[in-house]
């Protein structure tokens, strides 16, 4: 489980991934009673549940609103198919983040997750 001193988001993630955890059937049975706004920066993989394809559903399952920003587009996860990789230009990713900030919603963020992109 969660180490002492972890925040509510980490605690809810630890609880959701506990061994033997069964998915709830109704939204009111979610693991954590609050909804956090989470900015997720990671890869988008077309075929295979990694990167944003794994992060977004897991956080949504916990009841959080996820703002997913892809940084890399991959055709398949490693080991599943041809390694086609397209890195999104940093200026484009920055433009998306700037738009969120200028919309005035930046202060609503409770957490940011940035998954490392292996090459």
N, C-alpha and C. Protein backbone atom coordinates (compact mmCIF):
# COMPACT_ATOMS: atom_id res chain seq x y z
N UNK A 1 0.83 -1.19 0.00
CA UNK A 1 0.00 0.00 0.00
C UNK A 1 0.87 1.25 0.00
N UNK A 2 0.25 2.35 0.24
CA UNK A 2 0.90 3.65 0.20
C UNK A 2 1.81 3.84 1.41
N UNK A 3 2.97 4.44 1.20
CA UNK A 3 3.89 4.75 2.28
C UNK A 3 3.33 5.91 3.10
N UNK A 4 3.75 6.04 4.32
CA UNK A 4 3.30 7.14 5.18
C UNK A 4 3.67 8.47 4.55
N UNK A 5 2.74 9.40 4.59
CA UNK A 5 3.01 10.74 4.07
C UNK A 5 2.63 10.94 2.62
N UNK A 6 2.06 9.94 1.97
CA UNK A 6 1.67 10.12 0.57
C UNK A 6 0.37 10.92 0.51
N UNK A 7 0.12 11.55 -0.63
CA UNK A 7 -1.06 12.37 -0.82
C UNK A 7 -2.29 11.54 -1.15
N UNK A 8 -3.47 12.19 -1.24
CA UNK A 8 -4.70 11.46 -1.51
C UNK A 8 -4.73 10.80 -2.88
N UNK A 9 -4.10 11.42 -3.90
CA UNK A 9 -4.09 10.81 -5.22
C UNK A 9 -3.27 9.53 -5.21
N UNK A 10 -2.08 9.59 -4.58
CA UNK A 10 -1.24 8.40 -4.50
C UNK A 10 -1.92 7.30 -3.71
N UNK A 11 -2.60 7.67 -2.62
CA UNK A 11 -3.30 6.69 -1.79
C UNK A 11 -4.41 6.00 -2.57
N UNK A 12 -5.17 6.78 -3.36
CA UNK A 12 -6.25 6.18 -4.13
C UNK A 12 -5.71 5.28 -5.23
N UNK A 13 -4.58 5.65 -5.83
CA UNK A 13 -3.95 4.80 -6.85
C UNK A 13 -3.48 3.49 -6.22
N UNK A 14 -2.86 3.59 -5.05
CA UNK A 14 -2.38 2.39 -4.37
C UNK A 14 -3.54 1.46 -4.02
N UNK A 15 -4.65 2.03 -3.58
CA UNK A 15 -5.81 1.22 -3.23
C UNK A 15 -6.41 0.54 -4.46
N UNK A 16 -6.44 1.26 -5.59
CA UNK A 16 -7.02 0.70 -6.81
C UNK A 16 -6.21 -0.47 -7.35
N UNK A 17 -4.90 -0.43 -7.14
CA UNK A 17 -4.04 -1.49 -7.68
C UNK A 17 -3.73 -2.56 -6.64
N UNK A 18 -4.45 -2.56 -5.52
CA UNK A 18 -4.22 -3.56 -4.48
C UNK A 18 -4.56 -4.95 -5.02
N UNK A 19 -3.80 -5.96 -4.59
CA UNK A 19 -4.09 -7.33 -5.06
C UNK A 19 -5.52 -7.74 -4.74
N UNK A 20 -6.17 -8.37 -5.70
CA UNK A 20 -7.53 -8.84 -5.51
C UNK A 20 -8.61 -7.79 -5.66
N UNK A 21 -8.23 -6.60 -6.06
CA UNK A 21 -9.21 -5.50 -6.20
C UNK A 21 -10.15 -5.82 -7.35
N UNK A 22 -11.44 -5.68 -7.11
CA UNK A 22 -12.47 -5.93 -8.13
C UNK A 22 -13.05 -4.59 -8.55
N UNK A 23 -13.23 -4.40 -9.84
CA UNK A 23 -13.77 -3.14 -10.36
C UNK A 23 -15.19 -2.93 -9.87
N UNK A 24 -15.50 -1.69 -9.43
CA UNK A 24 -16.87 -1.42 -9.00
C UNK A 24 -17.83 -1.44 -10.19
N UNK A 25 -19.09 -1.68 -9.91
CA UNK A 25 -20.08 -1.77 -10.98
C UNK A 25 -20.78 -0.45 -11.25
N UNK A 26 -20.83 0.43 -10.25
CA UNK A 26 -21.53 1.70 -10.42
C UNK A 26 -20.60 2.85 -10.04
N UNK A 27 -20.78 4.02 -10.67
CA UNK A 27 -19.91 5.17 -10.37
C UNK A 27 -19.88 5.54 -8.89
N UNK A 28 -20.98 5.36 -8.16
CA UNK A 28 -20.98 5.74 -6.75
C UNK A 28 -20.13 4.81 -5.88
N UNK A 29 -19.63 3.72 -6.44
CA UNK A 29 -18.78 2.79 -5.71
C UNK A 29 -17.30 3.03 -5.98
N UNK A 30 -16.95 4.16 -6.53
CA UNK A 30 -15.55 4.43 -6.85
C UNK A 30 -14.68 4.42 -5.61
N UNK A 31 -13.40 4.23 -5.83
CA UNK A 31 -12.44 4.07 -4.74
C UNK A 31 -12.31 5.32 -3.88
N UNK A 32 -12.23 6.48 -4.49
CA UNK A 32 -11.97 7.70 -3.74
C UNK A 32 -13.12 8.68 -3.91
N UNK A 33 -13.53 9.35 -2.83
CA UNK A 33 -14.71 10.20 -2.90
C UNK A 33 -14.53 11.55 -3.60
N UNK A 34 -13.30 11.97 -3.87
CA UNK A 34 -13.12 13.28 -4.52
C UNK A 34 -12.60 13.10 -5.94
N UNK A 35 -12.81 14.12 -6.74
CA UNK A 35 -12.30 14.08 -8.11
C UNK A 35 -11.21 15.13 -8.23
N UNK A 36 -10.04 14.70 -8.65
CA UNK A 36 -8.94 15.62 -8.89
C UNK A 36 -8.80 15.84 -10.39
N UNK A 37 -8.29 17.00 -10.76
CA UNK A 37 -7.94 17.28 -12.16
C UNK A 37 -6.47 16.94 -12.32
N UNK A 38 -6.18 16.02 -13.22
CA UNK A 38 -4.82 15.52 -13.41
C UNK A 38 -4.37 15.79 -14.84
N UNK A 39 -3.23 16.42 -14.99
CA UNK A 39 -2.63 16.63 -16.31
C UNK A 39 -1.67 15.47 -16.55
N UNK A 40 -1.90 14.72 -17.63
CA UNK A 40 -1.08 13.56 -17.95
C UNK A 40 -0.34 13.81 -19.26
N UNK A 41 0.98 13.86 -19.17
CA UNK A 41 1.85 14.03 -20.34
C UNK A 41 2.52 12.68 -20.60
N UNK A 42 2.28 12.10 -21.76
CA UNK A 42 2.85 10.80 -22.05
C UNK A 42 2.67 10.47 -23.52
N UNK A 43 3.07 9.26 -23.88
CA UNK A 43 2.92 8.80 -25.26
C UNK A 43 1.48 8.35 -25.52
N UNK A 44 1.08 8.43 -26.76
CA UNK A 44 -0.19 7.84 -27.19
C UNK A 44 0.19 6.67 -28.10
N UNK A 45 -0.25 5.49 -27.71
CA UNK A 45 0.07 4.28 -28.46
C UNK A 45 -1.21 3.77 -29.10
N UNK A 46 -1.20 3.63 -30.43
CA UNK A 46 -2.39 3.22 -31.16
C UNK A 46 -2.76 1.78 -30.83
N UNK A 47 -1.78 0.90 -30.77
CA UNK A 47 -2.04 -0.53 -30.53
C UNK A 47 -1.27 -0.99 -29.30
N UNK A 48 -1.96 -1.21 -28.21
CA UNK A 48 -1.35 -1.63 -26.96
C UNK A 48 -1.72 -0.66 -25.84
N UNK A 49 -2.02 -1.18 -24.70
CA UNK A 49 -2.47 -0.35 -23.57
C UNK A 49 -1.30 0.08 -22.70
N UNK A 50 -0.55 1.04 -23.19
CA UNK A 50 0.55 1.66 -22.45
C UNK A 50 0.44 3.17 -22.64
N UNK A 51 1.26 3.92 -21.95
CA UNK A 51 1.22 5.37 -22.08
C UNK A 51 -0.12 5.91 -21.63
N UNK A 52 -0.66 6.86 -22.38
CA UNK A 52 -1.95 7.46 -22.04
C UNK A 52 -3.08 6.45 -22.09
N UNK A 53 -2.93 5.42 -22.93
CA UNK A 53 -3.95 4.38 -23.02
C UNK A 53 -4.11 3.57 -21.74
N UNK A 54 -3.11 3.60 -20.87
CA UNK A 54 -3.20 2.94 -19.56
C UNK A 54 -3.46 3.95 -18.45
N UNK A 55 -2.82 5.10 -18.55
CA UNK A 55 -2.93 6.12 -17.50
C UNK A 55 -4.33 6.70 -17.40
N UNK A 56 -4.90 7.09 -18.55
CA UNK A 56 -6.21 7.76 -18.55
C UNK A 56 -7.31 6.88 -17.97
N UNK A 57 -7.50 5.64 -18.45
CA UNK A 57 -8.58 4.82 -17.88
C UNK A 57 -8.40 4.54 -16.39
N UNK A 58 -7.15 4.32 -15.95
CA UNK A 58 -6.91 4.03 -14.53
C UNK A 58 -7.31 5.21 -13.65
N UNK A 59 -6.92 6.42 -14.06
CA UNK A 59 -7.26 7.60 -13.28
C UNK A 59 -8.76 7.92 -13.36
N UNK A 60 -9.36 7.71 -14.53
CA UNK A 60 -10.80 7.93 -14.66
C UNK A 60 -11.59 6.93 -13.82
N UNK A 61 -11.12 5.71 -13.76
CA UNK A 61 -11.75 4.69 -12.92
C UNK A 61 -11.80 5.14 -11.46
N UNK A 62 -10.76 5.85 -11.05
CA UNK A 62 -10.70 6.36 -9.68
C UNK A 62 -11.55 7.61 -9.48
N UNK A 63 -12.14 8.11 -10.57
CA UNK A 63 -13.01 9.26 -10.47
C UNK A 63 -12.36 10.59 -10.79
N UNK A 64 -11.14 10.57 -11.29
CA UNK A 64 -10.43 11.81 -11.59
C UNK A 64 -10.69 12.25 -13.02
N UNK A 65 -10.64 13.55 -13.23
CA UNK A 65 -10.72 14.10 -14.58
C UNK A 65 -9.29 14.20 -15.10
N UNK A 66 -9.04 13.62 -16.28
CA UNK A 66 -7.69 13.57 -16.83
C UNK A 66 -7.60 14.44 -18.07
N UNK A 67 -6.63 15.33 -18.07
CA UNK A 67 -6.33 16.15 -19.25
C UNK A 67 -5.11 15.51 -19.89
N UNK A 68 -5.33 14.72 -20.93
CA UNK A 68 -4.27 13.94 -21.56
C UNK A 68 -3.61 14.74 -22.68
N UNK A 69 -2.30 14.89 -22.60
CA UNK A 69 -1.53 15.60 -23.63
C UNK A 69 -0.47 14.64 -24.17
N UNK A 70 -0.63 14.17 -25.41
CA UNK A 70 0.37 13.26 -25.97
C UNK A 70 1.64 14.01 -26.34
N UNK A 71 2.77 13.37 -26.09
CA UNK A 71 4.07 13.94 -26.45
C UNK A 71 4.72 13.16 -27.58
N UNK A 72 4.32 11.90 -27.71
CA UNK A 72 4.86 10.99 -28.74
C UNK A 72 3.71 10.14 -29.25
N UNK A 73 3.71 9.85 -30.54
CA UNK A 73 2.72 8.96 -31.13
C UNK A 73 3.45 7.70 -31.59
N UNK A 74 2.99 6.56 -31.11
CA UNK A 74 3.59 5.28 -31.47
C UNK A 74 2.53 4.39 -32.11
N UNK A 75 2.91 3.63 -33.13
CA UNK A 75 1.97 2.73 -33.78
C UNK A 75 1.62 1.56 -32.87
N UNK A 76 2.62 1.00 -32.20
CA UNK A 76 2.43 -0.16 -31.33
C UNK A 76 3.35 -0.05 -30.13
N UNK A 77 2.98 -0.75 -29.07
CA UNK A 77 3.87 -0.79 -27.92
C UNK A 77 5.10 -1.62 -28.29
N UNK A 78 6.21 -1.42 -27.60
CA UNK A 78 7.42 -2.20 -27.90
C UNK A 78 7.15 -3.70 -27.81
N UNK A 79 7.64 -4.43 -28.79
CA UNK A 79 7.47 -5.87 -28.82
C UNK A 79 6.18 -6.35 -29.46
N UNK A 80 5.30 -5.42 -29.84
CA UNK A 80 4.02 -5.82 -30.42
C UNK A 80 3.99 -5.65 -31.93
N UNK A 81 4.76 -4.72 -32.44
CA UNK A 81 4.72 -4.48 -33.88
C UNK A 81 5.88 -3.61 -34.33
N UNK A 82 5.75 -3.09 -35.53
CA UNK A 82 6.79 -2.23 -36.10
C UNK A 82 6.99 -0.99 -35.24
N UNK A 83 8.23 -0.63 -34.95
CA UNK A 83 8.50 0.52 -34.07
C UNK A 83 8.41 1.86 -34.80
N UNK A 84 7.21 2.27 -35.17
CA UNK A 84 7.01 3.57 -35.80
C UNK A 84 6.75 4.59 -34.70
N UNK A 85 7.57 5.63 -34.67
CA UNK A 85 7.51 6.63 -33.60
C UNK A 85 7.53 8.02 -34.21
N UNK A 86 6.58 8.85 -33.79
CA UNK A 86 6.54 10.24 -34.23
C UNK A 86 6.53 11.12 -32.99
N UNK A 87 7.58 11.88 -32.78
CA UNK A 87 7.65 12.79 -31.65
C UNK A 87 6.93 14.08 -32.01
N UNK A 88 5.99 14.46 -31.18
CA UNK A 88 5.28 15.72 -31.42
C UNK A 88 6.22 16.87 -31.10
N UNK A 89 6.27 17.87 -31.97
CA UNK A 89 7.18 18.99 -31.74
C UNK A 89 6.89 19.67 -30.39
N UNK A 90 7.92 19.97 -29.64
CA UNK A 90 7.74 20.54 -28.31
C UNK A 90 6.97 21.86 -28.36
N UNK A 91 7.11 22.61 -29.44
CA UNK A 91 6.37 23.88 -29.53
C UNK A 91 4.87 23.63 -29.63
N UNK A 92 4.46 22.51 -30.24
CA UNK A 92 3.04 22.16 -30.33
C UNK A 92 2.50 21.73 -28.96
N UNK A 93 3.27 20.92 -28.26
CA UNK A 93 2.87 20.49 -26.92
C UNK A 93 2.80 21.72 -26.00
N UNK A 94 3.77 22.61 -26.11
CA UNK A 94 3.77 23.84 -25.32
C UNK A 94 2.55 24.70 -25.64
N UNK A 95 2.15 24.74 -26.90
CA UNK A 95 0.97 25.52 -27.29
C UNK A 95 -0.29 24.99 -26.63
N UNK A 96 -0.40 23.67 -26.52
CA UNK A 96 -1.55 23.07 -25.86
C UNK A 96 -1.55 23.45 -24.37
N UNK A 97 -0.39 23.35 -23.74
CA UNK A 97 -0.28 23.70 -22.32
C UNK A 97 -0.55 25.19 -22.10
N UNK A 98 -0.06 26.03 -22.99
CA UNK A 98 -0.32 27.48 -22.90
C UNK A 98 -1.80 27.79 -23.03
N UNK A 99 -2.49 27.05 -23.91
CA UNK A 99 -3.93 27.26 -24.09
C UNK A 99 -4.69 26.91 -22.81
N UNK A 100 -4.30 25.82 -22.15
CA UNK A 100 -4.93 25.46 -20.89
C UNK A 100 -4.71 26.53 -19.84
N UNK A 101 -3.48 27.02 -19.77
CA UNK A 101 -3.16 28.06 -18.79
C UNK A 101 -3.94 29.34 -19.08
N UNK A 102 -4.02 29.75 -20.33
CA UNK A 102 -4.71 30.99 -20.68
C UNK A 102 -6.22 30.87 -20.53
N UNK A 103 -6.74 29.64 -20.55
CA UNK A 103 -8.17 29.43 -20.33
C UNK A 103 -8.56 29.63 -18.87
N UNK A 104 -7.57 29.75 -18.00
CA UNK A 104 -7.84 29.97 -16.59
C UNK A 104 -8.10 28.71 -15.79
N UNK A 105 -7.86 27.55 -16.39
CA UNK A 105 -8.15 26.31 -15.67
C UNK A 105 -6.90 25.70 -15.02
N UNK A 106 -5.76 26.30 -15.22
CA UNK A 106 -4.49 25.78 -14.70
C UNK A 106 -4.53 25.60 -13.19
N UNK A 107 -5.17 26.53 -12.49
CA UNK A 107 -5.20 26.48 -11.02
C UNK A 107 -6.05 25.32 -10.51
N UNK A 108 -6.86 24.71 -11.36
CA UNK A 108 -7.70 23.58 -10.94
C UNK A 108 -6.91 22.28 -10.87
N UNK A 109 -5.69 22.26 -11.40
CA UNK A 109 -4.90 21.03 -11.41
C UNK A 109 -4.49 20.62 -10.00
N UNK A 110 -4.67 19.33 -9.70
CA UNK A 110 -4.25 18.78 -8.42
C UNK A 110 -2.97 17.98 -8.58
N UNK A 111 -2.70 17.49 -9.81
CA UNK A 111 -1.52 16.66 -10.03
C UNK A 111 -1.11 16.70 -11.49
N UNK A 112 0.17 16.44 -11.70
CA UNK A 112 0.72 16.31 -13.06
C UNK A 112 1.52 15.02 -13.09
N UNK A 113 1.26 14.21 -14.10
CA UNK A 113 2.05 13.00 -14.28
C UNK A 113 2.76 13.08 -15.62
N UNK A 114 4.04 12.75 -15.60
CA UNK A 114 4.86 12.80 -16.82
C UNK A 114 5.60 11.48 -16.89
N UNK A 115 5.17 10.63 -17.80
CA UNK A 115 5.81 9.33 -17.96
C UNK A 115 7.01 9.46 -18.87
N UNK A 116 8.14 8.92 -18.47
CA UNK A 116 9.34 8.97 -19.29
C UNK A 116 9.16 8.22 -20.58
N UNK A 117 9.69 8.75 -21.64
CA UNK A 117 9.59 8.13 -22.96
C UNK A 117 10.91 7.48 -23.31
N UNK A 118 10.95 6.16 -23.27
CA UNK A 118 12.17 5.45 -23.64
C UNK A 118 12.41 5.48 -25.13
N UNK A 119 13.66 5.50 -25.53
CA UNK A 119 14.00 5.50 -26.97
C UNK A 119 14.66 4.21 -27.33
